[in-house]
Amino acid sequence: MARVKTGPYRRQHHKKVLKITKGQFGTRSRLFRRANEAMLKSMWYSYRDRRTRKRDLRRLWITRINAAARLNNTTYSRLVHGMRASHIALNRKMLADLAVRDPQAFAAVVALARTAQA
C-alpha cells in the first residue's frame, strides 16, 4: 500500500481552528497549538453556559415577578400558590413579561390568584 501523508487535511484542520479563534488575543489566534487549546476551552464554556443561561434567566424572571407581586401587596410564593389553586397556567417567562410590559394585566392575575387563596 502506498503511504498517505496528511498534508492537505492537516492544513484544512489548522485553518478551521484558526478561523474559529480569529478574534482572540495574541497567539491564541495565530499559533495552531495555542489556538486549538483556546478553541477547546471556548467550546466547553459555550456548552456549559448554554445551560447556565437557562438558570440565570429563570432567576431573573422570578426576581421580576417577586418585585411586581410586592407592588401588588403579595409575595412571589403566595402568588404562585394562588395561581396553582386557581388553575392559571402562565409560565414564569410570560408572567415576568406581563409584570414588566403590562402592569394592569399582572395586577388582574394577582387579583385572580388572591381570590383562589381566600
N, C-alpha and C. Protein backbone atom coordinates (compact mmCIF):
# COMPACT_ATOMS: atom_id res chain seq x y z
N MET A 1 0.84 -1.20 0.00
CA MET A 1 0.00 0.00 0.00
C MET A 1 0.87 1.25 0.00
N ALA A 2 0.38 2.22 -0.66
CA ALA A 2 1.12 3.48 -0.71
C ALA A 2 0.92 4.24 0.59
N ARG A 3 1.92 5.01 0.95
CA ARG A 3 1.86 5.81 2.17
C ARG A 3 1.03 7.07 1.90
N VAL A 4 0.13 7.38 2.84
CA VAL A 4 -0.71 8.57 2.68
C VAL A 4 -0.26 9.60 3.70
N LYS A 5 0.09 10.76 3.22
CA LYS A 5 0.51 11.84 4.13
C LYS A 5 -0.69 12.75 4.42
N THR A 6 -0.62 13.44 5.53
CA THR A 6 -1.80 14.21 5.98
C THR A 6 -1.74 15.67 5.58
N GLY A 7 -0.85 16.04 4.69
CA GLY A 7 -0.62 17.45 4.34
C GLY A 7 -1.86 18.30 4.16
N PRO A 8 -2.66 18.05 3.13
CA PRO A 8 -3.81 18.92 2.88
C PRO A 8 -4.85 18.86 3.99
N TYR A 9 -5.02 17.70 4.59
CA TYR A 9 -6.05 17.55 5.63
C TYR A 9 -5.63 18.27 6.92
N ARG A 10 -4.33 18.16 7.21
CA ARG A 10 -3.83 18.86 8.39
C ARG A 10 -3.96 20.37 8.20
N ARG A 11 -3.64 20.83 6.99
CA ARG A 11 -3.77 22.27 6.71
C ARG A 11 -5.23 22.70 6.85
N GLN A 12 -6.14 21.90 6.35
CA GLN A 12 -7.58 22.20 6.48
C GLN A 12 -7.97 22.32 7.95
N HIS A 13 -7.51 21.37 8.73
CA HIS A 13 -7.85 21.36 10.16
C HIS A 13 -7.29 22.60 10.85
N HIS A 14 -6.01 22.92 10.54
CA HIS A 14 -5.39 24.09 11.15
C HIS A 14 -6.15 25.36 10.77
N LYS A 15 -6.50 25.47 9.48
CA LYS A 15 -7.22 26.67 9.02
C LYS A 15 -8.58 26.78 9.71
N LYS A 16 -9.24 25.63 9.89
CA LYS A 16 -10.56 25.62 10.54
C LYS A 16 -10.44 26.13 11.99
N VAL A 17 -9.43 25.63 12.70
CA VAL A 17 -9.23 26.04 14.10
C VAL A 17 -8.87 27.52 14.17
N LEU A 18 -7.98 27.97 13.29
CA LEU A 18 -7.58 29.38 13.31
C LEU A 18 -8.73 30.29 12.93
N LYS A 19 -9.63 29.82 12.09
CA LYS A 19 -10.80 30.62 11.74
C LYS A 19 -11.74 30.76 12.95
N ILE A 20 -11.89 29.70 13.72
CA ILE A 20 -12.76 29.74 14.90
C ILE A 20 -12.21 30.71 15.95
N THR A 21 -10.88 30.75 16.11
CA THR A 21 -10.26 31.59 17.15
C THR A 21 -9.84 32.95 16.61
N LYS A 22 -10.41 33.37 15.51
CA LYS A 22 -9.98 34.56 14.79
C LYS A 22 -9.90 35.83 15.65
N GLY A 23 -10.87 36.09 16.50
CA GLY A 23 -10.87 37.35 17.22
C GLY A 23 -10.13 37.34 18.55
N GLN A 24 -9.47 36.24 18.88
CA GLN A 24 -8.84 36.12 20.18
C GLN A 24 -7.51 36.84 20.24
N PHE A 25 -7.01 37.02 21.44
CA PHE A 25 -5.84 37.86 21.71
C PHE A 25 -4.54 37.11 21.49
N GLY A 26 -3.58 37.77 20.87
CA GLY A 26 -2.21 37.26 20.79
C GLY A 26 -2.09 35.94 20.05
N THR A 27 -1.30 35.02 20.64
CA THR A 27 -1.03 33.75 19.97
C THR A 27 -2.24 32.84 19.92
N ARG A 28 -3.26 33.15 20.69
CA ARG A 28 -4.48 32.32 20.69
C ARG A 28 -5.17 32.35 19.33
N SER A 29 -4.83 33.34 18.52
CA SER A 29 -5.43 33.41 17.18
C SER A 29 -4.41 33.17 16.08
N ARG A 30 -3.11 32.98 16.45
CA ARG A 30 -2.08 32.88 15.42
C ARG A 30 -1.38 31.52 15.38
N LEU A 31 -1.10 30.95 16.55
CA LEU A 31 -0.37 29.68 16.60
C LEU A 31 -1.37 28.54 16.78
N PHE A 32 -1.19 27.50 15.99
CA PHE A 32 -2.20 26.43 16.00
C PHE A 32 -2.37 25.80 17.37
N ARG A 33 -1.28 25.47 18.04
CA ARG A 33 -1.41 24.74 19.31
C ARG A 33 -2.15 25.59 20.35
N ARG A 34 -1.78 26.85 20.45
CA ARG A 34 -2.46 27.74 21.41
C ARG A 34 -3.90 28.00 20.96
N ALA A 35 -4.09 28.12 19.66
CA ALA A 35 -5.44 28.34 19.13
C ALA A 35 -6.32 27.13 19.39
N ASN A 36 -5.77 25.95 19.25
CA ASN A 36 -6.53 24.72 19.48
C ASN A 36 -6.94 24.63 20.95
N GLU A 37 -6.02 24.97 21.85
CA GLU A 37 -6.35 24.97 23.29
C GLU A 37 -7.46 25.98 23.57
N ALA A 38 -7.32 27.17 22.99
CA ALA A 38 -8.32 28.22 23.19
C ALA A 38 -9.67 27.79 22.64
N MET A 39 -9.66 27.14 21.47
CA MET A 39 -10.91 26.70 20.85
C MET A 39 -11.59 25.65 21.71
N LEU A 40 -10.82 24.66 22.18
CA LEU A 40 -11.41 23.60 23.02
C LEU A 40 -12.03 24.19 24.27
N LYS A 41 -11.31 25.13 24.89
CA LYS A 41 -11.81 25.75 26.11
C LYS A 41 -13.07 26.57 25.83
N SER A 42 -13.05 27.31 24.73
CA SER A 42 -14.20 28.16 24.42
C SER A 42 -15.43 27.32 24.06
N MET A 43 -15.20 26.20 23.37
CA MET A 43 -16.33 25.30 23.05
C MET A 43 -16.92 24.72 24.33
N TRP A 44 -16.04 24.36 25.26
CA TRP A 44 -16.50 23.81 26.54
C TRP A 44 -17.30 24.86 27.32
N TYR A 45 -16.79 26.10 27.32
CA TYR A 45 -17.51 27.18 28.00
C TYR A 45 -18.87 27.42 27.36
N SER A 46 -18.92 27.42 26.03
CA SER A 46 -20.19 27.71 25.37
C SER A 46 -21.21 26.61 25.65
N TYR A 47 -20.74 25.36 25.68
CA TYR A 47 -21.64 24.23 26.00
C TYR A 47 -22.18 24.39 27.42
N ARG A 48 -21.28 24.68 28.36
CA ARG A 48 -21.68 24.82 29.76
C ARG A 48 -22.63 26.01 29.95
N ASP A 49 -22.29 27.12 29.31
CA ASP A 49 -23.05 28.34 29.56
C ASP A 49 -24.39 28.38 28.84
N ARG A 50 -24.60 27.51 27.86
CA ARG A 50 -25.95 27.40 27.29
C ARG A 50 -26.91 26.87 28.35
N ARG A 51 -26.41 26.04 29.25
CA ARG A 51 -27.24 25.54 30.34
C ARG A 51 -27.35 26.56 31.47
N THR A 52 -26.24 27.24 31.74
CA THR A 52 -26.24 28.25 32.80
C THR A 52 -27.18 29.40 32.47
N ARG A 53 -27.27 29.76 31.18
CA ARG A 53 -28.14 30.85 30.76
C ARG A 53 -29.59 30.59 31.15
N LYS A 54 -30.01 29.34 31.02
CA LYS A 54 -31.38 28.98 31.38
C LYS A 54 -31.64 29.23 32.85
N ARG A 55 -30.65 28.87 33.70
CA ARG A 55 -30.77 29.11 35.13
C ARG A 55 -30.83 30.60 35.43
N ASP A 56 -29.94 31.36 34.78
CA ASP A 56 -29.86 32.80 35.03
C ASP A 56 -31.16 33.50 34.64
N LEU A 57 -31.72 33.11 33.49
CA LEU A 57 -32.97 33.74 33.05
C LEU A 57 -34.12 33.40 33.99
N ARG A 58 -34.17 32.16 34.45
CA ARG A 58 -35.23 31.79 35.40
C ARG A 58 -35.12 32.62 36.67
N ARG A 59 -33.90 32.82 37.17
CA ARG A 59 -33.69 33.66 38.36
C ARG A 59 -34.16 35.09 38.11
N LEU A 60 -33.85 35.61 36.91
CA LEU A 60 -34.26 36.97 36.56
C LEU A 60 -35.78 37.09 36.52
N TRP A 61 -36.44 36.09 35.90
CA TRP A 61 -37.91 36.12 35.83
C TRP A 61 -38.51 36.09 37.22
N ILE A 62 -38.00 35.24 38.08
CA ILE A 62 -38.55 35.13 39.44
C ILE A 62 -38.35 36.44 40.19
N THR A 63 -37.20 37.08 40.02
CA THR A 63 -36.93 38.36 40.67
C THR A 63 -37.92 39.43 40.20
N ARG A 64 -38.17 39.47 38.89
CA ARG A 64 -39.11 40.46 38.34
C ARG A 64 -40.53 40.20 38.83
N ILE A 65 -40.92 38.93 38.85
CA ILE A 65 -42.28 38.59 39.31
C ILE A 65 -42.44 38.96 40.77
N ASN A 66 -41.42 38.67 41.58
CA ASN A 66 -41.49 38.98 43.01
C ASN A 66 -41.59 40.49 43.24
N ALA A 67 -40.81 41.27 42.48
CA ALA A 67 -40.85 42.73 42.63
C ALA A 67 -42.24 43.26 42.27
N ALA A 68 -42.79 42.76 41.17
CA ALA A 68 -44.12 43.22 40.75
C ALA A 68 -45.19 42.73 41.72
N ALA A 69 -45.03 41.52 42.25
CA ALA A 69 -46.00 40.99 43.21
C ALA A 69 -46.00 41.83 44.48
N ARG A 70 -44.83 42.25 44.92
CA ARG A 70 -44.75 43.07 46.14
C ARG A 70 -45.38 44.44 45.92
N LEU A 71 -45.34 44.95 44.69
CA LEU A 71 -46.04 46.19 44.39
C LEU A 71 -47.56 46.00 44.49
N ASN A 72 -48.01 44.75 44.33
CA ASN A 72 -49.43 44.42 44.44
C ASN A 72 -49.77 43.78 45.79
N ASN A 73 -48.93 44.05 46.80
CA ASN A 73 -49.16 43.62 48.19
C ASN A 73 -49.25 42.11 48.36
N THR A 74 -48.38 41.39 47.70
CA THR A 74 -48.28 39.94 47.91
C THR A 74 -46.83 39.55 47.68
N THR A 75 -46.52 38.28 47.85
CA THR A 75 -45.16 37.82 47.59
C THR A 75 -45.17 36.82 46.45
N TYR A 76 -43.99 36.48 45.97
CA TYR A 76 -43.86 35.54 44.86
C TYR A 76 -44.47 34.19 45.22
N SER A 77 -44.13 33.69 46.40
CA SER A 77 -44.59 32.34 46.76
C SER A 77 -46.11 32.30 46.91
N ARG A 78 -46.69 33.34 47.50
CA ARG A 78 -48.15 33.38 47.64
C ARG A 78 -48.83 33.50 46.28
N LEU A 79 -48.21 34.29 45.40
CA LEU A 79 -48.76 34.46 44.05
C LEU A 79 -48.76 33.13 43.29
N VAL A 80 -47.64 32.42 43.33
CA VAL A 80 -47.54 31.15 42.61
C VAL A 80 -48.51 30.12 43.21
N HIS A 81 -48.62 30.11 44.53
CA HIS A 81 -49.56 29.20 45.18
C HIS A 81 -51.00 29.52 44.76
N GLY A 82 -51.34 30.80 44.75
CA GLY A 82 -52.68 31.22 44.35
C GLY A 82 -52.96 30.90 42.88
N MET A 83 -51.95 31.05 42.04
CA MET A 83 -52.14 30.74 40.62
C MET A 83 -52.38 29.24 40.41
N ARG A 84 -51.67 28.42 41.18
CA ARG A 84 -51.89 26.97 41.08
C ARG A 84 -53.30 26.61 41.55
N ALA A 85 -53.73 27.26 42.63
CA ALA A 85 -55.05 26.96 43.19
C ALA A 85 -56.16 27.39 42.23
N SER A 86 -55.95 28.48 41.51
CA SER A 86 -56.98 28.97 40.60
C SER A 86 -56.78 28.47 39.17
N HIS A 87 -55.85 27.54 38.97
CA HIS A 87 -55.59 26.91 37.67
C HIS A 87 -55.21 27.91 36.59
N ILE A 88 -54.40 28.91 36.96
CA ILE A 88 -53.86 29.86 35.98
C ILE A 88 -52.54 29.28 35.49
N ALA A 89 -52.47 28.94 34.22
CA ALA A 89 -51.28 28.29 33.67
C ALA A 89 -50.43 29.28 32.89
N LEU A 90 -49.73 30.15 33.60
CA LEU A 90 -48.79 31.08 32.98
C LEU A 90 -47.39 30.70 33.44
N ASN A 91 -46.47 30.52 32.51
CA ASN A 91 -45.12 30.20 32.95
C ASN A 91 -44.40 31.46 33.43
N ARG A 92 -43.25 31.28 34.05
CA ARG A 92 -42.54 32.41 34.67
C ARG A 92 -42.09 33.43 33.63
N LYS A 93 -41.72 32.97 32.46
CA LYS A 93 -41.26 33.89 31.41
C LYS A 93 -42.39 34.83 31.00
N MET A 94 -43.57 34.29 30.76
CA MET A 94 -44.71 35.12 30.35
C MET A 94 -45.18 36.02 31.49
N LEU A 95 -45.14 35.47 32.70
CA LEU A 95 -45.57 36.25 33.87
C LEU A 95 -44.62 37.44 34.09
N ALA A 96 -43.32 37.21 33.94
CA ALA A 96 -42.34 38.29 34.09
C ALA A 96 -42.53 39.33 32.99
N ASP A 97 -42.84 38.88 31.78
CA ASP A 97 -43.07 39.79 30.68
C ASP A 97 -44.31 40.65 30.96
N LEU A 98 -45.36 40.02 31.49
CA LEU A 98 -46.56 40.77 31.89
C LEU A 98 -46.22 41.81 32.95
N ALA A 99 -45.43 41.40 33.93
CA ALA A 99 -45.08 42.29 35.03
C ALA A 99 -44.35 43.54 34.53
N VAL A 100 -43.50 43.36 33.52
CA VAL A 100 -42.71 44.48 33.01
C VAL A 100 -43.51 45.33 32.03
N ARG A 101 -44.19 44.68 31.08
CA ARG A 101 -44.82 45.40 29.98
C ARG A 101 -46.27 45.81 30.21
N ASP A 102 -46.99 45.06 31.04
CA ASP A 102 -48.42 45.33 31.23
C ASP A 102 -48.81 45.16 32.70
N PRO A 103 -48.49 46.14 33.53
CA PRO A 103 -48.75 46.02 34.97
C PRO A 103 -50.23 45.81 35.31
N GLN A 104 -51.15 46.35 34.49
CA GLN A 104 -52.57 46.16 34.77
C GLN A 104 -52.97 44.70 34.62
N ALA A 105 -52.50 44.07 33.57
CA ALA A 105 -52.80 42.65 33.35
C ALA A 105 -52.19 41.81 34.47
N PHE A 106 -50.98 42.17 34.90
CA PHE A 106 -50.35 41.45 36.00
C PHE A 106 -51.16 41.61 37.28
N ALA A 107 -51.67 42.83 37.51
CA ALA A 107 -52.50 43.07 38.69
C ALA A 107 -53.77 42.23 38.64
N ALA A 108 -54.33 42.05 37.43
CA ALA A 108 -55.51 41.21 37.28
C ALA A 108 -55.20 39.76 37.62
N VAL A 109 -54.04 39.28 37.19
CA VAL A 109 -53.61 37.91 37.52
C VAL A 109 -53.44 37.76 39.03
N VAL A 110 -52.85 38.77 39.66
CA VAL A 110 -52.68 38.75 41.12
C VAL A 110 -54.03 38.71 41.81
N ALA A 111 -54.97 39.49 41.31
CA ALA A 111 -56.31 39.52 41.91
C ALA A 111 -57.00 38.15 41.79
N LEU A 112 -56.88 37.51 40.63
CA LEU A 112 -57.46 36.17 40.45
C LEU A 112 -56.79 35.16 41.39
N ALA A 113 -55.49 35.26 41.53
CA ALA A 113 -54.77 34.33 42.42
C ALA A 113 -55.16 34.56 43.87
N ARG A 114 -55.41 35.80 44.22
CA ARG A 114 -55.83 36.10 45.61
C ARG A 114 -57.19 35.53 45.93
N THR A 115 -58.13 35.62 44.97
CA THR A 115 -59.48 35.11 45.23
C THR A 115 -59.46 33.58 45.42
N ALA A 116 -58.56 32.91 44.73
CA ALA A 116 -58.48 31.46 44.88
C ALA A 116 -57.88 31.09 46.23
N GLN A 117 -57.00 31.95 46.75
CA GLN A 117 -56.34 31.68 48.02
C GLN A 117 -57.29 31.88 49.19
N ALA A 118 -58.14 32.87 49.10
CA ALA A 118 -59.00 33.22 50.24
C ALA A 118 -60.18 32.27 50.40
